[in-house]
Amino acid sequence: MFSSFVRLLQSLFYPHGCPGCGEEVREPGVLCGRCREKIWHPRSFHPESLGCPHVDGLFFLLDYAGAIQKALWMAKFRGREDLLPRLGEEWLQGLRREHKFAWEFPPGVGLSVTGIPTDPDRRKQRGYDLPEEIFRPWCREAGYRWESLLVRNRPTRSQYGLTPEERKKNLKGCFTLVRQEDLPDIVLLCDDICTTGSTMEEGAKTLKQGGVARVYGLALASGN
């Protein structure tokens, strides 16, 4: 309640700008209509075309360009954690309005939502985990069960600039299950960006080796 009141006061005295162009918007993380239209591109993607045999379905919400590229960079490297909850919520509400992917995400028994965990050093530096900050508020509102199912067991190099094969090698064996028992039947595995699919595949492989029957991948943005 208090935090909501503080946000209201901030919005009255310090207008928020669209992360893409700076146009005044109602809340941090909300994009203006023009920037939104340029990147809104909900789509499904065949996992095997990205070399992801352990992923049963891939879904992307936005093109990784323009405003979302800038907003995620600000969240990662400029401490703009405040942008993240609304970023995820706005786009996922859009999915609901357009009835996209609804058949894949029934809020029923056996379905859990989890995020790709951030490297421990980066999480310590930032103070938060991007996928969790983006997707957990939507998860709570939509009635899905959020669980932390994976942890990173070692630091990994930045994926930027690596070839697909180097990415796979960099990530191989980097995830461990939080627990070995009572895993859900179906997992929706979320990440902020999906480029080559290497991270999603490694996470899905770890989950399936632990006994999860189906793993779907959902990324906020992708260049594919």
C-alpha atoms as a PDB file:
ATOM      1  CA  MET A   1       0.000   0.000   0.000  1.00  0.00           C
ATOM      2  CA  PHE A   2       2.732   2.461   0.998  1.00  0.00           C
ATOM      3  CA  SER A   3       4.862   1.632  -2.053  1.00  0.00           C
ATOM      4  CA  SER A   4       1.835   2.206  -4.328  1.00  0.00           C
ATOM      5  CA  PHE A   5       1.282   5.613  -2.688  1.00  0.00           C
ATOM      6  CA  VAL A   6       4.938   6.520  -3.217  1.00  0.00           C
ATOM      7  CA  ARG A   7       4.719   5.527  -6.890  1.00  0.00           C
ATOM      8  CA  LEU A   8       1.609   7.697  -7.250  1.00  0.00           C
ATOM      9  CA  LEU A   9       3.416  10.725  -5.800  1.00  0.00           C
ATOM     10  CA  GLN A  10       6.416  10.088  -8.033  1.00  0.00           C
ATOM     11  CA  SER A  11       4.190   9.930 -11.104  1.00  0.00           C
ATOM     12  CA  LEU A  12       2.617  13.293 -10.180  1.00  0.00           C
ATOM     13  CA  PHE A  13       5.857  15.182  -9.633  1.00  0.00           C
ATOM     14  CA  TYR A  14       8.291  13.293 -11.876  1.00  0.00           C
ATOM     15  CA  PRO A  15       6.625  12.309 -15.175  1.00  0.00           C
ATOM     16  CA  HIS A  16       7.939   9.099 -16.703  1.00  0.00           C
ATOM     17  CA  GLY A  17       9.393   8.858 -20.178  1.00  0.00           C
ATOM     18  CA  CYS A  18       9.034   6.092 -22.738  1.00  0.00           C
ATOM     19  CA  PRO A  19      12.300   4.089 -22.659  1.00  0.00           C
ATOM     20  CA  GLY A  20      12.417   4.268 -26.445  1.00  0.00           C
ATOM     21  CA  CYS A  21      11.809   7.918 -27.299  1.00  0.00           C
ATOM     22  CA  GLY A  22      11.280   9.798 -24.036  1.00  0.00           C
ATOM     23  CA  GLU A  23       7.620  10.674 -24.641  1.00  0.00           C
ATOM     24  CA  GLU A  24       5.729  11.071 -21.370  1.00  0.00           C
ATOM     25  CA  VAL A  25       3.976   7.873 -20.233  1.00  0.00           C
ATOM     26  CA  ARG A  26       1.934   6.929 -17.165  1.00  0.00           C
ATOM     27  CA  GLU A  27       4.415   4.534 -15.484  1.00  0.00           C
ATOM     28  CA  PRO A  28       8.061   3.473 -15.742  1.00  0.00           C
ATOM     29  CA  GLY A  29       8.452   0.627 -18.215  1.00  0.00           C
ATOM     30  CA  VAL A  30       5.414   1.601 -20.291  1.00  0.00           C
ATOM     31  CA  LEU A  31       6.164   2.312 -23.941  1.00  0.00           C
ATOM     32  CA  CYS A  32       4.400   4.924 -26.030  1.00  0.00           C
ATOM     33  CA  GLY A  33       2.074   3.722 -28.780  1.00  0.00           C
ATOM     34  CA  ARG A  34       4.505   4.374 -31.619  1.00  0.00           C
ATOM     35  CA  CYS A  35       7.405   2.517 -30.012  1.00  0.00           C
ATOM     36  CA  ARG A  36       5.084  -0.327 -29.012  1.00  0.00           C
ATOM     37  CA  GLU A  37       3.795  -0.857 -32.541  1.00  0.00           C
ATOM     38  CA  LYS A  38       7.309  -1.095 -33.946  1.00  0.00           C
ATOM     39  CA  ILE A  39       8.297  -4.112 -31.839  1.00  0.00           C
ATOM     40  CA  TRP A  40       5.041  -5.918 -30.905  1.00  0.00           C
ATOM     41  CA  HIS A  41       5.372  -9.261 -32.705  1.00  0.00           C
ATOM     42  CA  PRO A  42       3.993 -12.224 -30.718  1.00  0.00           C
ATOM     43  CA  ARG A  43       4.892 -15.471 -32.439  1.00  0.00           C
ATOM     44  CA  SER A  44       5.674 -19.120 -31.958  1.00  0.00           C
ATOM     45  CA  PHE A  45       8.960 -20.571 -33.172  1.00  0.00           C
ATOM     46  CA  HIS A  46       9.841 -24.176 -33.910  1.00  0.00           C
ATOM     47  CA  PRO A  47      12.443 -25.189 -31.276  1.00  0.00           C
ATOM     48  CA  GLU A  48      14.340 -27.577 -33.540  1.00  0.00           C
ATOM     49  CA  SER A  49      15.086 -24.758 -35.994  1.00  0.00           C
ATOM     50  CA  LEU A  50      17.181 -23.224 -33.193  1.00  0.00           C
ATOM     51  CA  GLY A  51      18.694 -26.546 -32.145  1.00  0.00           C
ATOM     52  CA  CYS A  52      16.537 -26.906 -29.024  1.00  0.00           C
ATOM     53  CA  PRO A  53      15.384 -30.558 -28.964  1.00  0.00           C
ATOM     54  CA  HIS A  54      14.491 -30.444 -25.256  1.00  0.00           C
ATOM     55  CA  VAL A  55      12.120 -27.480 -25.710  1.00  0.00           C
ATOM     56  CA  ASP A  56       8.541 -28.388 -26.669  1.00  0.00           C
ATOM     57  CA  GLY A  57       7.551 -24.938 -27.900  1.00  0.00           C
ATOM     58  CA  LEU A  58       9.119 -21.466 -28.157  1.00  0.00           C
ATOM     59  CA  PHE A  59       7.189 -18.215 -27.901  1.00  0.00           C
ATOM     60  CA  PHE A  60       8.440 -14.660 -28.361  1.00  0.00           C
ATOM     61  CA  LEU A  61       6.525 -11.457 -27.644  1.00  0.00           C
ATOM     62  CA  LEU A  62       8.630  -8.676 -29.176  1.00  0.00           C
ATOM     63  CA  ASP A  63      11.288  -8.028 -31.774  1.00  0.00           C
ATOM     64  CA  TYR A  64      14.575  -7.364 -30.016  1.00  0.00           C
ATOM     65  CA  ALA A  65      15.063  -3.840 -31.338  1.00  0.00           C
ATOM     66  CA  GLY A  66      14.330  -0.219 -30.598  1.00  0.00           C
ATOM     67  CA  ALA A  67      12.627   0.564 -27.314  1.00  0.00           C
ATOM     68  CA  ILE A  68      12.822  -2.895 -25.732  1.00  0.00           C
ATOM     69  CA  GLN A  69      16.507  -3.227 -26.555  1.00  0.00           C
ATOM     70  CA  LYS A  70      17.155   0.111 -24.882  1.00  0.00           C
ATOM     71  CA  ALA A  71      14.923  -0.671 -21.883  1.00  0.00           C
ATOM     72  CA  LEU A  72      16.610  -4.015 -21.188  1.00  0.00           C
ATOM     73  CA  TRP A  73      20.040  -2.412 -21.501  1.00  0.00           C
ATOM     74  CA  MET A  74      19.002   0.239 -18.963  1.00  0.00           C
ATOM     75  CA  ALA A  75      17.743  -2.464 -16.587  1.00  0.00           C
ATOM     76  CA  LYS A  76      20.925  -4.516 -16.910  1.00  0.00           C
ATOM     77  CA  PHE A  77      23.561  -1.821 -16.845  1.00  0.00           C
ATOM     78  CA  ARG A  78      21.953   1.311 -15.384  1.00  0.00           C
ATOM     79  CA  GLY A  79      20.071  -0.147 -12.424  1.00  0.00           C
ATOM     80  CA  ARG A  80      16.608   0.584 -13.833  1.00  0.00           C
ATOM     81  CA  GLU A  81      14.848  -2.253 -12.029  1.00  0.00           C
ATOM     82  CA  ASP A  82      11.707  -0.111 -11.944  1.00  0.00           C
ATOM     83  CA  LEU A  83      11.198  -0.673 -15.678  1.00  0.00           C
ATOM     84  CA  LEU A  84      10.887  -4.445 -15.490  1.00  0.00           C
ATOM     85  CA  PRO A  85       7.525  -5.334 -13.867  1.00  0.00           C
ATOM     86  CA  ARG A  86       5.511  -3.151 -16.228  1.00  0.00           C
ATOM     87  CA  LEU A  87       7.504  -4.310 -19.243  1.00  0.00           C
ATOM     88  CA  GLY A  88       6.437  -7.886 -18.711  1.00  0.00           C
ATOM     89  CA  GLU A  89       2.908  -7.127 -17.536  1.00  0.00           C
ATOM     90  CA  GLU A  90       2.051  -4.861 -20.450  1.00  0.00           C
ATOM     91  CA  TRP A  91       3.062  -7.318 -23.137  1.00  0.00           C
ATOM     92  CA  LEU A  92       1.576 -10.377 -21.486  1.00  0.00           C
ATOM     93  CA  GLN A  93      -1.737  -8.587 -21.035  1.00  0.00           C
ATOM     94  CA  GLY A  94      -1.567  -7.884 -24.753  1.00  0.00           C
ATOM     95  CA  LEU A  95      -1.259 -11.598 -25.375  1.00  0.00           C
ATOM     96  CA  ARG A  96      -4.382 -12.203 -23.342  1.00  0.00           C
ATOM     97  CA  ARG A  97      -6.327  -9.609 -25.331  1.00  0.00           C
ATOM     98  CA  GLU A  98      -5.298 -11.194 -28.621  1.00  0.00           C
ATOM     99  CA  HIS A  99      -5.778 -14.761 -27.327  1.00  0.00           C
ATOM    100  CA  LYS A 100      -2.283 -15.755 -28.440  1.00  0.00           C
ATOM    101  CA  PHE A 101      -0.764 -18.959 -27.081  1.00  0.00           C
ATOM    102  CA  ALA A 102      -3.645 -19.391 -24.622  1.00  0.00           C
ATOM    103  CA  TRP A 103      -3.952 -23.076 -25.442  1.00  0.00           C
ATOM    104  CA  GLU A 104      -0.345 -23.616 -24.379  1.00  0.00           C
ATOM    105  CA  PHE A 105      -0.632 -21.862 -21.029  1.00  0.00           C
ATOM    106  CA  PRO A 106      -3.673 -23.248 -19.205  1.00  0.00           C
ATOM    107  CA  PRO A 107      -3.485 -22.215 -15.519  1.00  0.00           C
ATOM    108  CA  GLY A 108      -4.096 -25.770 -14.403  1.00  0.00           C
ATOM    109  CA  VAL A 109      -2.650 -28.493 -12.239  1.00  0.00           C
ATOM    110  CA  GLY A 110       0.943 -29.431 -12.955  1.00  0.00           C
ATOM    111  CA  LEU A 111       1.992 -26.172 -14.665  1.00  0.00           C
ATOM    112  CA  SER A 112       4.713 -24.002 -13.125  1.00  0.00           C
ATOM    113  CA  VAL A 113       6.470 -20.912 -14.420  1.00  0.00           C
ATOM    114  CA  THR A 114      10.159 -20.356 -13.758  1.00  0.00           C
ATOM    115  CA  GLY A 115      12.925 -18.089 -15.002  1.00  0.00           C
ATOM    116  CA  ILE A 116      16.376 -18.635 -16.409  1.00  0.00           C
ATOM    117  CA  PRO A 117      18.549 -17.775 -13.388  1.00  0.00           C
ATOM    118  CA  THR A 118      21.077 -14.984 -13.691  1.00  0.00           C
ATOM    119  CA  ASP A 119      24.767 -15.628 -13.127  1.00  0.00           C
ATOM    120  CA  PRO A 120      25.348 -15.275  -9.327  1.00  0.00           C
ATOM    121  CA  ASP A 121      27.985 -12.558  -9.760  1.00  0.00           C
ATOM    122  CA  ARG A 122      25.750 -10.516 -12.055  1.00  0.00           C
ATOM    123  CA  ARG A 123      22.766 -10.974  -9.758  1.00  0.00           C
ATOM    124  CA  LYS A 124      24.835  -9.761  -6.809  1.00  0.00           C
ATOM    125  CA  GLN A 125      26.014  -6.771  -8.814  1.00  0.00           C
ATOM    126  CA  ARG A 126      22.517  -5.827 -10.032  1.00  0.00           C
ATOM    127  CA  GLY A 127      20.582  -6.872  -6.952  1.00  0.00           C
ATOM    128  CA  TYR A 128      17.874  -8.595  -8.972  1.00  0.00           C
ATOM    129  CA  ASP A 129      17.147 -11.294 -11.545  1.00  0.00           C
ATOM    130  CA  LEU A 130      15.752  -9.910 -14.818  1.00  0.00           C
ATOM    131  CA  PRO A 131      13.476 -12.814 -15.872  1.00  0.00           C
ATOM    132  CA  GLU A 132      11.962 -13.011 -12.395  1.00  0.00           C
ATOM    133  CA  GLU A 133      11.342  -9.258 -12.209  1.00  0.00           C
ATOM    134  CA  ILE A 134       9.774  -9.265 -15.679  1.00  0.00           C
ATOM    135  CA  PHE A 135       7.531 -12.319 -15.453  1.00  0.00           C
ATOM    136  CA  ARG A 136       6.696 -12.917 -11.798  1.00  0.00           C
ATOM    137  CA  PRO A 137       4.239  -9.979 -11.400  1.00  0.00           C
ATOM    138  CA  TRP A 138       2.280 -11.191 -14.445  1.00  0.00           C
ATOM    139  CA  CYS A 139       2.435 -14.751 -13.133  1.00  0.00           C
ATOM    140  CA  ARG A 140       0.935 -13.706  -9.812  1.00  0.00           C
ATOM    141  CA  GLU A 141      -1.849 -11.699 -11.455  1.00  0.00           C
ATOM    142  CA  ALA A 142      -2.717 -14.413 -13.992  1.00  0.00           C
ATOM    143  CA  GLY A 143      -2.922 -17.119 -11.340  1.00  0.00           C
ATOM    144  CA  TYR A 144       0.049 -19.169 -12.482  1.00  0.00           C
ATOM    145  CA  ARG A 145       2.430 -20.741  -9.992  1.00  0.00           C
ATOM    146  CA  TRP A 146       5.934 -19.236  -9.987  1.00  0.00           C
ATOM    147  CA  GLU A 147       8.725 -21.482  -8.737  1.00  0.00           C
ATOM    148  CA  SER A 148      12.493 -21.117  -8.622  1.00  0.00           C
ATOM    149  CA  LEU A 149      13.491 -24.447 -10.151  1.00  0.00           C
ATOM    150  CA  LEU A 150      16.999 -23.771 -11.487  1.00  0.00           C
ATOM    151  CA  VAL A 151      20.207 -22.256 -10.149  1.00  0.00           C
ATOM    152  CA  ARG A 152      23.469 -21.463 -11.891  1.00  0.00           C
ATOM    153  CA  ASN A 153      26.215 -23.627 -10.452  1.00  0.00           C
ATOM    154  CA  ARG A 154      29.118 -21.663 -11.943  1.00  0.00           C
ATOM    155  CA  PRO A 155      29.870 -18.329 -13.603  1.00  0.00           C
ATOM    156  CA  THR A 156      29.585 -18.185 -17.391  1.00  0.00           C
ATOM    157  CA  ARG A 157      31.063 -15.824 -19.953  1.00  0.00           C
ATOM    158  CA  SER A 158      28.876 -13.201 -21.556  1.00  0.00           C
ATOM    159  CA  GLN A 159      27.143 -14.729 -24.574  1.00  0.00           C
ATOM    160  CA  TYR A 160      27.617 -11.550 -26.589  1.00  0.00           C
ATOM    161  CA  GLY A 161      29.862 -12.133 -29.591  1.00  0.00           C
ATOM    162  CA  LEU A 162      30.079 -15.909 -29.165  1.00  0.00           C
ATOM    163  CA  THR A 163      29.245 -18.292 -31.999  1.00  0.00           C
ATOM    164  CA  PRO A 164      26.346 -20.746 -31.496  1.00  0.00           C
ATOM    165  CA  GLU A 165      28.805 -23.556 -30.736  1.00  0.00           C
ATOM    166  CA  GLU A 166      30.751 -21.379 -28.292  1.00  0.00           C
ATOM    167  CA  ARG A 167      27.484 -20.472 -26.566  1.00  0.00           C
ATOM    168  CA  LYS A 168      26.559 -24.143 -26.109  1.00  0.00           C
ATOM    169  CA  LYS A 169      29.994 -24.949 -24.721  1.00  0.00           C
ATOM    170  CA  ASN A 170      29.885 -21.922 -22.421  1.00  0.00           C
ATOM    171  CA  LEU A 171      26.540 -23.000 -20.945  1.00  0.00           C
ATOM    172  CA  LYS A 172      26.994 -26.776 -20.838  1.00  0.00           C
ATOM    173  CA  GLY A 173      26.149 -28.094 -17.375  1.00  0.00           C
ATOM    174  CA  CYS A 174      25.772 -24.602 -15.872  1.00  0.00           C
ATOM    175  CA  PHE A 175      22.309 -25.242 -14.378  1.00  0.00           C
ATOM    176  CA  THR A 176      21.323 -27.386 -11.395  1.00  0.00           C
ATOM    177  CA  LEU A 177      17.845 -28.213 -10.128  1.00  0.00           C
ATOM    178  CA  VAL A 178      16.849 -26.553  -6.862  1.00  0.00           C
ATOM    179  CA  ARG A 179      15.278 -29.843  -5.798  1.00  0.00           C
ATOM    180  CA  GLN A 180      15.160 -33.387  -7.130  1.00  0.00           C
ATOM    181  CA  GLU A 181      11.631 -34.361  -6.046  1.00  0.00           C
ATOM    182  CA  ASP A 182       8.058 -33.152  -6.629  1.00  0.00           C
ATOM    183  CA  LEU A 183       8.862 -31.367  -9.873  1.00  0.00           C
ATOM    184  CA  PRO A 184       5.939 -30.087 -11.963  1.00  0.00           C
ATOM    185  CA  ASP A 185       4.787 -31.932 -15.070  1.00  0.00           C
ATOM    186  CA  ILE A 186       4.882 -28.852 -17.296  1.00  0.00           C
ATOM    187  CA  VAL A 187       7.202 -25.855 -17.024  1.00  0.00           C
ATOM    188  CA  LEU A 188       7.041 -22.509 -18.788  1.00  0.00           C
ATOM    189  CA  LEU A 189      10.686 -21.383 -18.834  1.00  0.00           C
ATOM    190  CA  CYS A 190      11.063 -17.598 -19.168  1.00  0.00           C
ATOM    191  CA  ASP A 191      13.929 -15.357 -20.212  1.00  0.00           C
ATOM    192  CA  ASP A 192      14.296 -11.727 -21.200  1.00  0.00           C
ATOM    193  CA  ILE A 193      15.999 -12.389 -24.570  1.00  0.00           C
ATOM    194  CA  CYS A 194      16.329 -15.444 -26.793  1.00  0.00           C
ATOM    195  CA  THR A 195      18.988 -15.232 -29.500  1.00  0.00           C
ATOM    196  CA  THR A 196      20.359 -18.641 -30.485  1.00  0.00           C
ATOM    197  CA  GLY A 197      18.251 -20.643 -28.027  1.00  0.00           C
ATOM    198  CA  SER A 198      21.326 -22.078 -26.260  1.00  0.00           C
ATOM    199  CA  THR A 199      20.325 -20.862 -22.800  1.00  0.00           C
ATOM    200  CA  MET A 200      16.731 -22.031 -23.163  1.00  0.00           C
ATOM    201  CA  GLU A 201      17.894 -25.445 -24.397  1.00  0.00           C
ATOM    202  CA  GLU A 202      20.327 -25.948 -21.518  1.00  0.00           C
ATOM    203  CA  GLY A 203      17.664 -25.000 -18.981  1.00  0.00           C
ATOM    204  CA  ALA A 204      15.072 -27.283 -20.589  1.00  0.00           C
ATOM    205  CA  LYS A 205      17.533 -30.173 -20.751  1.00  0.00           C
ATOM    206  CA  THR A 206      18.278 -29.851 -17.030  1.00  0.00           C
ATOM    207  CA  LEU A 207      14.569 -29.764 -16.187  1.00  0.00           C
ATOM    208  CA  LYS A 208      13.779 -32.819 -18.309  1.00  0.00           C
ATOM    209  CA  GLN A 209      16.706 -34.774 -16.909  1.00  0.00           C
ATOM    210  CA  GLY A 210      15.104 -34.182 -13.511  1.00  0.00           C
ATOM    211  CA  GLY A 211      11.769 -35.589 -14.634  1.00  0.00           C
ATOM    212  CA  VAL A 212       9.760 -32.665 -16.037  1.00  0.00           C
ATOM    213  CA  ALA A 213       7.607 -33.967 -18.900  1.00  0.00           C
ATOM    214  CA  ARG A 214       7.244 -30.829 -21.030  1.00  0.00           C
ATOM    215  CA  VAL A 215       9.117 -27.526 -21.157  1.00  0.00           C
ATOM    216  CA  TYR A 216       7.940 -24.491 -23.115  1.00  0.00           C
ATOM    217  CA  GLY A 217      10.142 -21.451 -23.583  1.00  0.00           C
ATOM    218  CA  LEU A 218       8.869 -17.869 -23.421  1.00  0.00           C
ATOM    219  CA  ALA A 219      11.111 -14.872 -24.129  1.00  0.00           C
ATOM    220  CA  LEU A 220      10.142 -11.231 -23.853  1.00  0.00           C
ATOM    221  CA  ALA A 221      12.153 -10.414 -26.984  1.00  0.00           C
ATOM    222  CA  SER A 222      13.999 -12.167 -29.770  1.00  0.00           C
ATOM    223  CA  GLY A 223      15.833 -11.305 -32.964  1.00  0.00           C
ATOM    224  CA  ASN A 224      14.527 -14.473 -34.641  1.00  0.00           C
END
